[in-house]
C-alpha atoms as a PDB file:
ATOM      1  CA  LEU A   1    -146.552 -42.600  48.173  1.00  0.00           C
ATOM      2  CA  CYS A   2    -146.330 -46.187  47.337  1.00  0.00           C
ATOM      3  CA  TYR A   3    -147.296 -48.597  44.869  1.00  0.00           C
ATOM      4  CA  ILE A   4    -148.340 -51.716  46.253  1.00  0.00           C
ATOM      5  CA  ARG A   5    -148.172 -55.113  44.203  1.00  0.00           C
ATOM      6  CA  ASN A   6    -148.684 -58.623  44.805  1.00  0.00           C
ATOM      7  CA  ASN A   7    -145.050 -59.168  46.069  1.00  0.00           C
ATOM      8  CA  THR A   8    -143.605 -55.855  46.256  1.00  0.00           C
ATOM      9  CA  THR A   9    -143.869 -52.393  47.712  1.00  0.00           C
ATOM     10  CA  LEU A  10    -142.238 -49.503  46.066  1.00  0.00           C
ATOM     11  CA  ILE A  11    -141.963 -46.157  47.732  1.00  0.00           C
ATOM     12  CA  LYS A  12    -142.233 -43.429  45.020  1.00  0.00           C
ATOM     13  CA  ASN A  13    -142.154 -40.619  47.309  1.00  0.00           C
ATOM     14  CA  LYS A  14    -141.966 -39.541  50.924  1.00  0.00           C
ATOM     15  CA  VAL A  15    -143.741 -36.182  51.985  1.00  0.00           C
ATOM     16  CA  GLN A  16    -142.636 -34.789  55.407  1.00  0.00           C
ATOM     17  CA  ARG A  17    -143.668 -31.646  57.045  1.00  0.00           C
ATOM     18  CA  ASN A  18    -143.196 -30.321  60.604  1.00  0.00           C
ATOM     19  CA  ILE A  19    -146.801 -29.875  61.727  1.00  0.00           C
ATOM     20  CA  PRO A  20    -147.146 -27.660  65.062  1.00  0.00           C
ATOM     21  CA  LYS A  21    -149.494 -28.740  67.747  1.00  0.00           C
ATOM     22  CA  LYS A  22    -152.737 -26.980  67.888  1.00  0.00           C
ATOM     23  CA  ARG A  23    -152.149 -25.691  71.265  1.00  0.00           C
ATOM     24  CA  SER A  24    -149.704 -23.210  69.496  1.00  0.00           C
ATOM     25  CA  GLY A  25    -152.315 -21.542  67.674  1.00  0.00           C
ATOM     26  CA  THR A  26    -154.805 -22.864  64.797  1.00  0.00           C
ATOM     27  CA  GLN A  27    -153.496 -20.621  62.341  1.00  0.00           C
ATOM     28  CA  TYR A  28    -149.915 -22.042  62.397  1.00  0.00           C
ATOM     29  CA  TYR A  29    -151.502 -25.582  62.441  1.00  0.00           C
ATOM     30  CA  ASP A  30    -153.840 -24.774  59.374  1.00  0.00           C
ATOM     31  CA  LYS A  31    -151.129 -23.127  57.442  1.00  0.00           C
ATOM     32  CA  ALA A  32    -148.692 -26.237  58.135  1.00  0.00           C
ATOM     33  CA  MET A  33    -151.669 -28.719  57.044  1.00  0.00           C
ATOM     34  CA  THR A  34    -152.377 -26.789  53.952  1.00  0.00           C
ATOM     35  CA  SER A  35    -148.700 -26.766  52.856  1.00  0.00           C
ATOM     36  CA  PHE A  36    -148.559 -30.494  53.600  1.00  0.00           C
ATOM     37  CA  PHE A  37    -151.701 -31.263  51.614  1.00  0.00           C
ATOM     38  CA  ASP A  38    -150.296 -29.090  48.834  1.00  0.00           C
ATOM     39  CA  ALA A  39    -147.214 -31.126  48.829  1.00  0.00           C
ATOM     40  CA  CYS A  40    -149.245 -34.443  48.638  1.00  0.00           C
ATOM     41  CA  ILE A  41    -151.089 -33.292  45.802  1.00  0.00           C
ATOM     42  CA  GLN A  42    -148.035 -32.281  43.924  1.00  0.00           C
ATOM     43  CA  SER A  43    -146.325 -35.528  44.673  1.00  0.00           C
ATOM     44  CA  ILE A  44    -149.654 -37.378  43.401  1.00  0.00           C
ATOM     45  CA  GLN A  45    -149.372 -35.140  40.138  1.00  0.00           C
ATOM     46  CA  THR A  46    -145.774 -35.828  39.780  1.00  0.00           C
ATOM     47  CA  PHE A  47    -145.524 -39.702  40.410  1.00  0.00           C
ATOM     48  CA  ILE A  48    -148.927 -41.163  40.064  1.00  0.00           C
ATOM     49  CA  ASP A  49    -150.844 -41.773  36.747  1.00  0.00           C
ATOM     50  CA  LEU A  50    -154.321 -42.114  38.104  1.00  0.00           C
ATOM     51  CA  ASP A  51    -155.548 -43.457  34.891  1.00  0.00           C
ATOM     52  CA  LYS A  52    -153.191 -46.458  35.288  1.00  0.00           C
ATOM     53  CA  ILE A  53    -153.840 -47.601  38.727  1.00  0.00           C
ATOM     54  CA  LYS A  54    -156.803 -49.731  40.035  1.00  0.00           C
ATOM     55  CA  VAL A  55    -157.137 -47.867  43.571  1.00  0.00           C
ATOM     56  CA  PHE A  56    -155.662 -45.059  45.434  1.00  0.00           C
ATOM     57  CA  ILE A  57    -155.690 -45.554  49.089  1.00  0.00           C
ATOM     58  CA  ILE A  58    -155.641 -42.812  51.637  1.00  0.00           C
ATOM     59  CA  ALA A  59    -154.706 -43.850  54.860  1.00  0.00           C
ATOM     60  CA  SER A  60    -153.690 -42.260  58.204  1.00  0.00           C
ATOM     61  CA  PRO A  61    -154.535 -42.152  61.977  1.00  0.00           C
ATOM     62  CA  GLY A  62    -156.918 -39.819  63.102  1.00  0.00           C
ATOM     63  CA  PHE A  63    -159.141 -37.415  60.862  1.00  0.00           C
ATOM     64  CA  THR A  64    -156.012 -36.427  58.639  1.00  0.00           C
ATOM     65  CA  LYS A  65    -157.239 -38.729  55.835  1.00  0.00           C
ATOM     66  CA  GLU A  66    -160.674 -37.234  55.838  1.00  0.00           C
ATOM     67  CA  ASN A  67    -159.487 -33.711  55.887  1.00  0.00           C
ATOM     68  CA  PHE A  68    -156.916 -34.541  52.923  1.00  0.00           C
ATOM     69  CA  TYR A  69    -159.699 -36.194  50.924  1.00  0.00           C
ATOM     70  CA  LYS A  70    -161.920 -32.744  51.583  1.00  0.00           C
ATOM     71  CA  TYR A  71    -159.060 -30.736  50.503  1.00  0.00           C
ATOM     72  CA  LEU A  72    -158.295 -32.555  47.336  1.00  0.00           C
ATOM     73  CA  CYS A  73    -161.890 -32.438  46.391  1.00  0.00           C
ATOM     74  CA  GLU A  74    -161.551 -28.674  46.839  1.00  0.00           C
ATOM     75  CA  GLN A  75    -158.815 -28.288  44.851  1.00  0.00           C
ATOM     76  CA  ALA A  76    -159.958 -30.501  42.033  1.00  0.00           C
ATOM     77  CA  THR A  77    -163.080 -28.490  41.768  1.00  0.00           C
ATOM     78  CA  SER A  78    -161.485 -24.969  42.268  1.00  0.00           C
ATOM     79  CA  LYS A  79    -158.151 -25.358  40.341  1.00  0.00           C
ATOM     80  CA  GLY A  80    -158.823 -28.748  38.283  1.00  0.00           C
ATOM     81  CA  VAL A  81    -155.853 -30.714  39.695  1.00  0.00           C
ATOM     82  CA  VAL A  82    -154.963 -34.265  39.450  1.00  0.00           C
ATOM     83  CA  ASN A  83    -157.483 -35.219  36.776  1.00  0.00           C
ATOM     84  CA  PHE A  84    -159.609 -36.203  40.178  1.00  0.00           C
ATOM     85  CA  ASN A  85    -163.118 -36.056  38.823  1.00  0.00           C
ATOM     86  CA  GLN A  86    -162.683 -38.633  36.071  1.00  0.00           C
ATOM     87  CA  ASN A  87    -161.023 -40.831  38.850  1.00  0.00           C
ATOM     88  CA  ARG A  88    -163.112 -40.124  41.951  1.00  0.00           C
ATOM     89  CA  THR A  89    -164.173 -43.662  42.356  1.00  0.00           C
ATOM     90  CA  LYS A  90    -160.790 -45.039  42.708  1.00  0.00           C
ATOM     91  CA  PHE A  91    -159.904 -43.193  45.952  1.00  0.00           C
ATOM     92  CA  VAL A  92    -160.697 -45.020  49.229  1.00  0.00           C
ATOM     93  CA  ILE A  93    -160.262 -43.718  52.630  1.00  0.00           C
ATOM     94  CA  VAL A  94    -158.991 -46.351  55.297  1.00  0.00           C
ATOM     95  CA  GLY A  95    -157.797 -45.865  59.043  1.00  0.00           C
ATOM     96  CA  ALA A  96    -154.108 -46.629  59.994  1.00  0.00           C
ATOM     97  CA  SER A  97    -152.620 -46.840  63.441  1.00  0.00           C
ATOM     98  CA  ASN A  98    -149.586 -44.918  62.308  1.00  0.00           C
ATOM     99  CA  ALA A  99    -148.211 -43.120  59.239  1.00  0.00           C
ATOM    100  CA  TYR A 100    -145.178 -45.356  58.798  1.00  0.00           C
ATOM    101  CA  LYS A 101    -144.537 -48.151  56.086  1.00  0.00           C
ATOM    102  CA  GLN A 102    -145.241 -50.831  58.839  1.00  0.00           C
ATOM    103  CA  ALA A 103    -148.960 -49.761  58.575  1.00  0.00           C
ATOM    104  CA  LEU A 104    -149.232 -50.918  54.852  1.00  0.00           C
ATOM    105  CA  ASN A 105    -150.091 -54.403  55.939  1.00  0.00           C
ATOM    106  CA  GLU A 106    -152.833 -53.324  58.319  1.00  0.00           C
ATOM    107  CA  VAL A 107    -154.303 -50.993  55.620  1.00  0.00           C
ATOM    108  CA  CYS A 108    -154.215 -53.865  53.032  1.00  0.00           C
ATOM    109  CA  LEU A 109    -156.004 -55.983  55.486  1.00  0.00           C
ATOM    110  CA  LEU A 110    -158.544 -53.452  56.133  1.00  0.00           C
ATOM    111  CA  TYR A 111    -159.172 -52.719  52.562  1.00  0.00           C
ATOM    112  CA  THR A 112    -159.470 -56.348  51.459  1.00  0.00           C
ATOM    113  CA  SER A 113    -161.767 -57.455  54.241  1.00  0.00           C
ATOM    114  CA  PRO A 114    -165.672 -57.393  53.582  1.00  0.00           C
END
């Protein structure tokens, strides 16, 4: 989770989990992804005040960003987490080539381009 301002990027929290390959069984993969998504939601609740930010960008390679957003929507409706429903319009999904800090420049360019 990063705050991106005009001249600085501040890393608020880093969420890391070992995700097994789908070949080893989808039950292990699904359980690991759920654990990762729960950790991400917990970090958002702890470190981000959604009422004070302008936009919340969800970026990743592949389909992880869509799966996380779908999981976030499900958790928000079932458990009422992250005051999500009031700030739903602030969430933007953008593709990235990797999941590291170097991809932030690419994500910012994709988000700001028309």
